């Protein structure tokens, strides 16, 4: 009796396991389909999405670092157990501290004028910078840049509202 090679079966099984792992890595986008802050489709923006896991067991799914900061501001005193971000290329979630971040570049950011991208490996981040520009930065630098951009956005929005209301800040003559 001759045995048939089992290699195709093993390859098929390995492929199914990898596909299952990839789907499991994105199941948060099914559970939290819309961004908690802005309502954007997190599956469509799977490459920039973030997941906040709170110590009390709650979760918040957001579309971007911008919306993650807004979400965290709205939950003062609520302890964060994990802050996860999608790898821009593979879309799997990883801890923000483990990601290699790219700030700026020619690719338009999500919910921001200055893009902030997370990559699972330094090599992927370097390849992105070579192709699209930007600068490799630490998580803390990316977080600070997002906070600075959010503050500037709020300042501009306040000035726009003030102009729209006809109030330039000085008392009107009566």
N, C-alpha and C. Protein backbone atom coordinates (compact mmCIF):
# COMPACT_ATOMS: atom_id res chain seq x y z
N UNK A 1 0.85 -1.17 0.00
CA UNK A 1 0.00 0.00 0.00
C UNK A 1 0.90 1.24 0.00
N UNK A 2 0.62 2.15 -0.91
CA UNK A 2 1.41 3.39 -0.97
C UNK A 2 0.66 4.50 -0.26
N UNK A 3 1.43 5.35 0.40
CA UNK A 3 0.84 6.49 1.10
C UNK A 3 0.85 7.71 0.20
N UNK A 4 -0.21 8.44 0.26
CA UNK A 4 -0.25 9.68 -0.50
C UNK A 4 0.40 10.76 0.34
N UNK A 5 1.10 11.66 -0.30
CA UNK A 5 1.75 12.73 0.46
C UNK A 5 0.73 13.57 1.21
N UNK A 6 1.09 13.96 2.40
CA UNK A 6 0.20 14.76 3.24
C UNK A 6 0.54 16.25 3.18
N UNK A 7 1.47 16.59 2.37
CA UNK A 7 1.92 17.98 2.28
C UNK A 7 0.79 18.94 1.89
N UNK A 8 -0.01 18.64 0.86
CA UNK A 8 -1.10 19.58 0.52
C UNK A 8 -2.07 19.78 1.67
N UNK A 9 -2.36 18.71 2.41
CA UNK A 9 -3.27 18.83 3.55
C UNK A 9 -2.65 19.71 4.62
N UNK A 10 -1.37 19.52 4.88
CA UNK A 10 -0.69 20.33 5.90
C UNK A 10 -0.65 21.80 5.49
N UNK A 11 -0.39 22.04 4.20
CA UNK A 11 -0.37 23.43 3.72
C UNK A 11 -1.75 24.07 3.80
N UNK A 12 -2.77 23.30 3.46
CA UNK A 12 -4.13 23.81 3.55
C UNK A 12 -4.48 24.14 5.00
N UNK A 13 -4.13 23.25 5.91
CA UNK A 13 -4.40 23.47 7.33
C UNK A 13 -3.66 24.71 7.84
N UNK A 14 -2.39 24.86 7.44
CA UNK A 14 -1.61 26.02 7.86
C UNK A 14 -2.25 27.31 7.32
N UNK A 15 -2.70 27.27 6.07
CA UNK A 15 -3.35 28.44 5.48
C UNK A 15 -4.63 28.81 6.20
N UNK A 16 -5.43 27.81 6.55
CA UNK A 16 -6.67 28.07 7.29
C UNK A 16 -6.40 28.64 8.67
N UNK A 17 -5.35 28.13 9.33
CA UNK A 17 -5.00 28.65 10.66
C UNK A 17 -4.56 30.11 10.57
N UNK A 18 -3.76 30.43 9.56
CA UNK A 18 -3.33 31.81 9.38
C UNK A 18 -4.50 32.73 9.07
N UNK A 19 -5.40 32.28 8.22
CA UNK A 19 -6.58 33.08 7.89
C UNK A 19 -7.45 33.28 9.13
N UNK A 20 -7.59 32.24 9.93
CA UNK A 20 -8.37 32.35 11.17
C UNK A 20 -7.73 33.31 12.14
N UNK A 21 -6.41 33.29 12.23
CA UNK A 21 -5.71 34.22 13.12
C UNK A 21 -5.90 35.65 12.66
N UNK A 22 -5.86 35.86 11.34
CA UNK A 22 -6.06 37.21 10.81
C UNK A 22 -7.47 37.70 11.10
N UNK A 23 -8.47 36.83 10.93
CA UNK A 23 -9.84 37.22 11.22
C UNK A 23 -10.03 37.48 12.71
N UNK A 24 -9.44 36.64 13.55
CA UNK A 24 -9.55 36.84 14.99
C UNK A 24 -8.91 38.16 15.39
N UNK A 25 -7.85 38.54 14.68
CA UNK A 25 -7.17 39.80 14.97
C UNK A 25 -8.00 41.01 14.62
N UNK A 26 -9.07 40.84 13.86
CA UNK A 26 -9.91 41.96 13.47
C UNK A 26 -11.34 41.83 13.97
N UNK A 27 -11.61 40.86 14.83
CA UNK A 27 -12.98 40.67 15.29
C UNK A 27 -13.47 41.85 16.13
N UNK A 28 -12.58 42.63 16.70
CA UNK A 28 -13.00 43.81 17.44
C UNK A 28 -13.77 44.79 16.55
N UNK A 29 -13.45 44.80 15.26
CA UNK A 29 -14.15 45.69 14.33
C UNK A 29 -15.58 45.22 14.06
N UNK A 30 -15.86 43.96 14.31
CA UNK A 30 -17.23 43.47 14.22
C UNK A 30 -18.00 43.79 15.49
N UNK A 31 -17.35 43.64 16.63
CA UNK A 31 -17.98 43.91 17.92
C UNK A 31 -18.22 45.41 18.10
N UNK A 32 -17.23 46.20 17.73
CA UNK A 32 -17.31 47.66 17.82
C UNK A 32 -17.21 48.21 16.39
N UNK A 33 -18.26 48.09 15.63
CA UNK A 33 -18.22 48.44 14.21
C UNK A 33 -18.04 49.93 13.99
N UNK A 34 -18.71 50.75 14.80
CA UNK A 34 -18.61 52.21 14.64
C UNK A 34 -17.71 52.79 15.72
N UNK A 35 -17.00 53.84 15.36
CA UNK A 35 -16.15 54.55 16.31
C UNK A 35 -17.03 55.13 17.41
N UNK A 36 -16.62 54.91 18.65
CA UNK A 36 -17.37 55.43 19.81
C UNK A 36 -17.48 56.95 19.78
N UNK A 37 -16.51 57.62 19.20
CA UNK A 37 -16.51 59.08 19.22
C UNK A 37 -17.18 59.69 17.99
N UNK A 38 -16.74 59.30 16.79
CA UNK A 38 -17.22 60.00 15.59
C UNK A 38 -18.18 59.19 14.73
N UNK A 39 -18.31 57.90 15.01
CA UNK A 39 -19.24 57.07 14.26
C UNK A 39 -18.69 56.47 12.98
N UNK A 40 -17.43 56.72 12.65
CA UNK A 40 -16.86 56.15 11.43
C UNK A 40 -16.83 54.63 11.50
N UNK A 41 -16.87 54.00 10.35
CA UNK A 41 -16.84 52.55 10.23
C UNK A 41 -15.42 52.05 10.52
N UNK A 42 -15.25 51.37 11.65
CA UNK A 42 -13.93 50.89 12.06
C UNK A 42 -13.41 49.77 11.17
N UNK A 43 -14.30 49.06 10.51
CA UNK A 43 -13.84 48.00 9.60
C UNK A 43 -13.24 48.64 8.35
N UNK A 44 -13.88 49.68 7.84
CA UNK A 44 -13.36 50.39 6.68
C UNK A 44 -12.03 51.08 7.01
N UNK A 45 -11.88 51.53 8.23
CA UNK A 45 -10.65 52.18 8.68
C UNK A 45 -9.87 51.24 9.60
N UNK A 46 -9.87 49.97 9.24
CA UNK A 46 -9.21 48.95 10.04
C UNK A 46 -7.73 49.16 10.21
N UNK A 47 -7.11 49.89 9.31
CA UNK A 47 -5.67 50.13 9.37
C UNK A 47 -5.29 51.22 10.37
N UNK A 48 -6.25 51.97 10.89
CA UNK A 48 -5.95 53.02 11.87
C UNK A 48 -6.72 52.85 13.17
N UNK A 49 -7.53 51.79 13.26
CA UNK A 49 -8.42 51.65 14.42
C UNK A 49 -7.63 51.37 15.69
N UNK A 50 -8.28 51.66 16.80
CA UNK A 50 -7.71 51.40 18.11
C UNK A 50 -8.78 50.78 18.99
N UNK A 51 -8.35 50.06 20.00
CA UNK A 51 -9.25 49.44 20.96
C UNK A 51 -8.74 49.78 22.35
N UNK A 52 -9.63 50.36 23.15
CA UNK A 52 -9.30 50.69 24.53
C UNK A 52 -9.97 49.65 25.41
N UNK A 53 -9.20 48.94 26.20
CA UNK A 53 -9.74 47.98 27.17
C UNK A 53 -9.54 48.59 28.55
N UNK A 54 -10.66 48.78 29.23
CA UNK A 54 -10.62 49.36 30.56
C UNK A 54 -10.47 48.28 31.62
N UNK A 55 -9.92 48.65 32.76
CA UNK A 55 -9.69 47.70 33.85
C UNK A 55 -10.99 47.12 34.38
N UNK A 56 -12.11 47.85 34.22
CA UNK A 56 -13.41 47.36 34.71
C UNK A 56 -14.06 46.37 33.74
N UNK A 57 -13.34 46.03 32.65
CA UNK A 57 -13.86 45.05 31.68
C UNK A 57 -14.53 45.68 30.47
N UNK A 58 -14.78 46.96 30.50
CA UNK A 58 -15.40 47.64 29.36
C UNK A 58 -14.41 47.87 28.24
N UNK A 59 -14.93 48.11 27.06
CA UNK A 59 -14.10 48.39 25.90
C UNK A 59 -14.69 49.55 25.11
N UNK A 60 -13.82 50.25 24.40
CA UNK A 60 -14.25 51.29 23.49
C UNK A 60 -13.47 51.12 22.20
N UNK A 61 -14.17 50.99 21.10
CA UNK A 61 -13.54 50.89 19.79
C UNK A 61 -13.58 52.25 19.12
N UNK A 62 -12.43 52.69 18.62
CA UNK A 62 -12.35 53.99 17.95
C UNK A 62 -11.61 53.83 16.63
N UNK A 63 -11.76 54.82 15.76
CA UNK A 63 -11.20 54.74 14.41
C UNK A 63 -9.77 55.22 14.30
N UNK A 64 -9.28 55.96 15.32
CA UNK A 64 -7.99 56.62 15.16
C UNK A 64 -7.42 57.02 16.51
N UNK A 65 -6.17 57.44 16.48
CA UNK A 65 -5.54 57.96 17.69
C UNK A 65 -6.24 59.22 18.17
N UNK A 66 -6.67 60.05 17.26
CA UNK A 66 -7.43 61.27 17.61
C UNK A 66 -8.65 60.91 18.45
N UNK A 67 -9.46 59.97 17.97
CA UNK A 67 -10.68 59.60 18.68
C UNK A 67 -10.37 58.85 19.98
N UNK A 68 -9.24 58.13 20.03
CA UNK A 68 -8.84 57.47 21.27
C UNK A 68 -8.55 58.50 22.36
N UNK A 69 -7.87 59.58 21.99
CA UNK A 69 -7.59 60.63 22.99
C UNK A 69 -8.88 61.28 23.48
N UNK A 70 -9.80 61.54 22.58
CA UNK A 70 -11.08 62.14 22.97
C UNK A 70 -11.83 61.18 23.89
N UNK A 71 -11.84 59.90 23.54
CA UNK A 71 -12.52 58.88 24.36
C UNK A 71 -11.90 58.80 25.75
N UNK A 72 -10.59 58.84 25.83
CA UNK A 72 -9.92 58.76 27.13
C UNK A 72 -10.15 60.02 27.96
N UNK A 73 -10.22 61.18 27.30
CA UNK A 73 -10.54 62.43 28.01
C UNK A 73 -11.93 62.35 28.63
N UNK A 74 -12.84 61.67 27.96
CA UNK A 74 -14.21 61.54 28.44
C UNK A 74 -14.38 60.50 29.53
N UNK A 75 -13.30 59.82 29.90
CA UNK A 75 -13.36 58.79 30.94
C UNK A 75 -12.28 59.04 31.99
N UNK A 76 -12.27 60.24 32.59
CA UNK A 76 -11.22 60.52 33.57
C UNK A 76 -11.37 59.60 34.78
N UNK A 77 -10.25 59.11 35.24
CA UNK A 77 -10.28 58.24 36.40
C UNK A 77 -10.58 56.79 36.09
N UNK A 78 -10.96 56.49 34.87
CA UNK A 78 -11.24 55.11 34.48
C UNK A 78 -9.93 54.48 34.03
N UNK A 79 -9.49 53.47 34.76
CA UNK A 79 -8.18 52.85 34.50
C UNK A 79 -8.20 52.09 33.18
N UNK A 80 -7.13 52.25 32.42
CA UNK A 80 -6.97 51.55 31.14
C UNK A 80 -6.13 50.31 31.37
N UNK A 81 -6.65 49.17 30.97
CA UNK A 81 -5.91 47.91 31.08
C UNK A 81 -5.03 47.69 29.86
N UNK A 82 -5.51 48.08 28.68
CA UNK A 82 -4.74 47.92 27.45
C UNK A 82 -5.19 48.95 26.43
N UNK A 83 -4.23 49.48 25.71
CA UNK A 83 -4.49 50.40 24.61
C UNK A 83 -3.84 49.77 23.38
N UNK A 84 -4.69 49.35 22.44
CA UNK A 84 -4.23 48.60 21.27
C UNK A 84 -4.44 49.41 20.00
N UNK A 85 -3.56 49.21 19.04
CA UNK A 85 -3.64 49.91 17.76
C UNK A 85 -3.44 48.89 16.64
N UNK A 86 -4.04 49.18 15.51
CA UNK A 86 -3.88 48.29 14.34
C UNK A 86 -2.56 48.56 13.64
N UNK A 87 -1.92 47.49 13.23
CA UNK A 87 -0.77 47.59 12.34
C UNK A 87 -1.31 48.11 11.01
N UNK A 88 -0.74 49.17 10.49
CA UNK A 88 -1.26 49.79 9.27
C UNK A 88 -1.28 48.82 8.10
N UNK A 89 -0.30 47.94 8.04
CA UNK A 89 -0.21 47.01 6.92
C UNK A 89 -1.06 45.76 7.12
N UNK A 90 -0.97 45.13 8.28
CA UNK A 90 -1.64 43.85 8.51
C UNK A 90 -2.98 43.95 9.22
N UNK A 91 -3.25 45.08 9.82
CA UNK A 91 -4.50 45.37 10.53
C UNK A 91 -4.69 44.61 11.84
N UNK A 92 -3.72 43.81 12.25
CA UNK A 92 -3.82 43.13 13.54
C UNK A 92 -3.53 44.13 14.65
N UNK A 93 -4.17 43.94 15.80
CA UNK A 93 -3.97 44.84 16.93
C UNK A 93 -2.71 44.47 17.71
N UNK A 94 -2.04 45.50 18.20
CA UNK A 94 -0.88 45.32 19.06
C UNK A 94 -0.84 46.45 20.07
N UNK A 95 -0.16 46.25 21.20
CA UNK A 95 -0.06 47.33 22.20
C UNK A 95 0.61 48.56 21.59
N UNK A 96 0.13 49.74 21.95
CA UNK A 96 0.67 50.97 21.36
C UNK A 96 2.17 51.10 21.61
N UNK A 97 2.63 50.63 22.76
CA UNK A 97 4.06 50.73 23.09
C UNK A 97 4.91 49.80 22.24
N UNK A 98 4.32 48.72 21.72
CA UNK A 98 5.06 47.76 20.91
C UNK A 98 5.13 48.18 19.45
N UNK A 99 4.28 49.10 19.04
CA UNK A 99 4.25 49.54 17.64
C UNK A 99 5.40 50.49 17.35
N UNK A 100 5.80 50.52 16.08
CA UNK A 100 6.73 51.54 15.59
C UNK A 100 5.86 52.57 14.90
N UNK A 101 5.96 53.81 15.33
CA UNK A 101 5.07 54.88 14.87
C UNK A 101 5.73 55.74 13.81
N UNK A 102 4.93 56.21 12.86
CA UNK A 102 5.38 57.16 11.84
C UNK A 102 4.49 58.38 11.95
N UNK A 103 5.13 59.53 12.01
CA UNK A 103 4.43 60.81 12.12
C UNK A 103 4.60 61.56 10.81
N UNK A 104 3.47 62.01 10.25
CA UNK A 104 3.50 62.80 9.02
C UNK A 104 3.64 61.94 7.77
N UNK A 105 4.10 62.57 6.72
CA UNK A 105 4.26 61.88 5.44
C UNK A 105 3.16 62.25 4.47
N UNK A 106 3.23 61.67 3.30
CA UNK A 106 2.31 62.03 2.22
C UNK A 106 0.97 61.32 2.25
N UNK A 107 0.79 60.31 3.06
CA UNK A 107 -0.51 59.62 3.16
C UNK A 107 -1.41 60.39 4.12
N UNK A 108 -2.62 60.66 3.66
CA UNK A 108 -3.59 61.40 4.48
C UNK A 108 -3.93 60.61 5.74
N UNK A 109 -3.94 61.29 6.88
CA UNK A 109 -4.26 60.67 8.15
C UNK A 109 -5.76 60.49 8.34
N UNK A 110 -6.12 59.81 9.41
CA UNK A 110 -7.52 59.58 9.76
C UNK A 110 -7.87 60.50 10.93
N UNK A 111 -8.84 61.39 10.71
CA UNK A 111 -9.31 62.35 11.72
C UNK A 111 -8.22 63.34 12.14
N UNK A 112 -7.27 63.60 11.27
CA UNK A 112 -6.18 64.50 11.60
C UNK A 112 -5.52 65.02 10.33
N UNK A 113 -4.95 66.21 10.41
CA UNK A 113 -4.21 66.76 9.28
C UNK A 113 -2.80 66.17 9.22
N UNK A 114 -2.26 65.82 10.37
CA UNK A 114 -0.91 65.24 10.45
C UNK A 114 -1.05 63.77 10.81
N UNK A 115 -0.74 62.91 9.86
CA UNK A 115 -0.95 61.47 10.03
C UNK A 115 -0.06 60.89 11.13
N UNK A 116 -0.62 59.87 11.78
CA UNK A 116 0.11 59.09 12.78
C UNK A 116 -0.23 57.63 12.50
N UNK A 117 0.76 56.85 12.07
CA UNK A 117 0.55 55.46 11.68
C UNK A 117 1.34 54.54 12.59
N UNK A 118 0.77 53.38 12.89
CA UNK A 118 1.44 52.37 13.70
C UNK A 118 1.79 51.17 12.82
N UNK A 119 2.97 50.61 13.06
CA UNK A 119 3.43 49.44 12.32
C UNK A 119 3.91 48.38 13.30
N UNK A 120 3.74 47.14 12.92
CA UNK A 120 4.14 46.02 13.77
C UNK A 120 5.65 45.85 13.81
N UNK A 121 6.35 46.36 12.80
CA UNK A 121 7.81 46.19 12.77
C UNK A 121 8.50 47.47 12.35
N UNK A 122 9.72 47.67 12.85
CA UNK A 122 10.50 48.83 12.42
C UNK A 122 10.77 48.82 10.91
N UNK A 123 10.94 47.63 10.33
CA UNK A 123 11.18 47.53 8.89
C UNK A 123 10.02 48.03 8.06
N UNK A 124 8.80 47.69 8.49
CA UNK A 124 7.61 48.16 7.78
C UNK A 124 7.48 49.68 7.89
N UNK A 125 7.78 50.22 9.05
CA UNK A 125 7.72 51.67 9.24
C UNK A 125 8.77 52.36 8.37
N UNK A 126 9.97 51.81 8.32
CA UNK A 126 11.04 52.40 7.49
C UNK A 126 10.66 52.35 6.02
N UNK A 127 10.06 51.25 5.57
CA UNK A 127 9.63 51.14 4.17
C UNK A 127 8.56 52.18 3.87
N UNK A 128 7.63 52.40 4.78
CA UNK A 128 6.59 53.41 4.60
C UNK A 128 7.22 54.79 4.47
N UNK A 129 8.18 55.10 5.35
CA UNK A 129 8.85 56.41 5.31
C UNK A 129 9.58 56.60 3.99
N UNK A 130 10.25 55.57 3.50
CA UNK A 130 10.94 55.67 2.21
C UNK A 130 9.97 55.98 1.08
N UNK A 131 8.79 55.38 1.12
CA UNK A 131 7.82 55.56 0.03
C UNK A 131 6.95 56.81 0.18
N UNK A 132 6.58 57.14 1.43
CA UNK A 132 5.60 58.21 1.64
C UNK A 132 6.09 59.38 2.47
N UNK A 133 7.30 59.28 2.99
CA UNK A 133 7.82 60.33 3.85
C UNK A 133 7.35 60.15 5.27
N UNK A 134 7.64 61.13 6.10
CA UNK A 134 7.30 61.05 7.51
C UNK A 134 8.54 60.77 8.34
N UNK A 135 8.32 60.56 9.61
CA UNK A 135 9.42 60.36 10.54
C UNK A 135 9.05 59.27 11.53
N UNK A 136 9.97 58.34 11.77
CA UNK A 136 9.74 57.30 12.78
C UNK A 136 9.89 57.94 14.15
N UNK A 137 8.88 57.72 15.00
CA UNK A 137 8.87 58.31 16.34
C UNK A 137 8.43 57.26 17.36
N UNK A 138 8.60 57.59 18.62
CA UNK A 138 8.15 56.72 19.71
C UNK A 138 6.64 56.86 19.91
N UNK A 139 6.07 55.94 20.67
CA UNK A 139 4.65 56.03 21.02
C UNK A 139 4.38 57.36 21.74
N UNK A 140 5.23 57.71 22.67
CA UNK A 140 5.02 58.94 23.44
C UNK A 140 5.02 60.17 22.52
N UNK A 141 5.92 60.19 21.53
CA UNK A 141 5.96 61.31 20.58
C UNK A 141 4.70 61.34 19.71
N UNK A 142 4.22 60.19 19.28
CA UNK A 142 2.99 60.13 18.49
C UNK A 142 1.79 60.59 19.32
N UNK A 143 1.73 60.13 20.57
CA UNK A 143 0.64 60.54 21.46
C UNK A 143 0.67 62.05 21.71
N UNK A 144 1.85 62.58 21.95
CA UNK A 144 1.97 64.02 22.19
C UNK A 144 1.59 64.82 20.95
N UNK A 145 2.01 64.35 19.79
CA UNK A 145 1.64 65.03 18.54
C UNK A 145 0.13 65.03 18.35
N UNK A 146 -0.52 63.91 18.66
CA UNK A 146 -1.98 63.84 18.55
C UNK A 146 -2.64 64.79 19.54
N UNK A 147 -2.12 64.86 20.75
CA UNK A 147 -2.67 65.78 21.76
C UNK A 147 -2.49 67.23 21.31
N UNK A 148 -1.32 67.55 20.77
CA UNK A 148 -1.07 68.91 20.28
C UNK A 148 -2.01 69.25 19.11
N UNK A 149 -2.19 68.30 18.20
CA UNK A 149 -3.09 68.53 17.06
C UNK A 149 -4.53 68.71 17.51
N UNK A 150 -4.95 67.94 18.51
CA UNK A 150 -6.30 68.06 19.04
C UNK A 150 -6.50 69.42 19.70
N UNK A 151 -5.51 69.89 20.46
CA UNK A 151 -5.60 71.21 21.09
C UNK A 151 -5.69 72.31 20.04
N UNK A 152 -4.90 72.20 18.97
CA UNK A 152 -4.94 73.20 17.91
C UNK A 152 -6.29 73.16 17.18
N UNK A 153 -6.81 71.98 16.94
CA UNK A 153 -8.12 71.83 16.30
C UNK A 153 -9.20 72.52 17.15
N UNK A 154 -9.14 72.32 18.45
CA UNK A 154 -10.13 72.94 19.34
C UNK A 154 -9.97 74.45 19.38
N UNK A 155 -8.73 74.94 19.34
CA UNK A 155 -8.50 76.39 19.33
C UNK A 155 -9.09 76.99 18.06
N UNK A 156 -8.84 76.37 16.92
CA UNK A 156 -9.37 76.87 15.65
C UNK A 156 -10.89 76.82 15.61
N UNK A 157 -11.45 75.75 16.15
CA UNK A 157 -12.91 75.62 16.19
C UNK A 157 -13.52 76.72 17.07
N UNK A 158 -12.89 77.00 18.19
CA UNK A 158 -13.37 78.07 19.08
C UNK A 158 -13.32 79.43 18.40
N UNK A 159 -12.24 79.70 17.68
CA UNK A 159 -12.11 80.97 16.96
C UNK A 159 -13.16 81.07 15.85
N UNK A 160 -13.42 79.96 15.17
CA UNK A 160 -14.42 79.95 14.10
C UNK A 160 -15.81 80.21 14.67
N UNK A 161 -16.11 79.58 15.80
CA UNK A 161 -17.42 79.79 16.45
C UNK A 161 -17.57 81.23 16.90
N UNK A 162 -16.49 81.79 17.41
CA UNK A 162 -16.54 83.17 17.88
C UNK A 162 -16.81 84.12 16.70
N UNK A 163 -16.13 83.89 15.57
CA UNK A 163 -16.37 84.73 14.38
C UNK A 163 -17.79 84.57 13.88
N UNK A 164 -18.29 83.33 13.89
CA UNK A 164 -19.65 83.07 13.39
C UNK A 164 -20.70 83.73 14.27
N UNK A 165 -20.43 83.89 15.55
CA UNK A 165 -21.40 84.50 16.44
C UNK A 165 -21.34 86.02 16.39
N UNK A 166 -20.35 86.55 15.65
CA UNK A 166 -20.21 88.00 15.55
C UNK A 166 -19.50 88.61 16.73
N UNK A 167 -18.96 87.78 17.59
CA UNK A 167 -18.28 88.29 18.77
C UNK A 167 -16.78 88.16 18.54
N UNK A 168 -16.12 89.28 18.51
CA UNK A 168 -14.66 89.27 18.31
C UNK A 168 -13.94 89.32 19.64
N UNK A 169 -14.65 89.19 20.73
CA UNK A 169 -14.01 89.18 22.04
C UNK A 169 -14.10 90.52 22.75
N UNK A 170 -14.36 91.58 22.02
CA UNK A 170 -14.47 92.90 22.64
C UNK A 170 -15.95 93.23 22.86
N UNK A 171 -16.26 93.98 23.91
CA UNK A 171 -17.65 94.35 24.11
C UNK A 171 -18.18 95.20 22.97
N UNK A 172 -19.41 94.99 22.61
CA UNK A 172 -20.04 95.78 21.55
C UNK A 172 -20.47 97.14 22.12
N UNK A 173 -20.36 98.11 21.27
CA UNK A 173 -20.82 99.45 21.66
C UNK A 173 -22.34 99.44 21.66
N UNK A 174 -22.93 100.04 22.65
CA UNK A 174 -24.38 99.96 22.74
C UNK A 174 -25.03 101.19 22.55
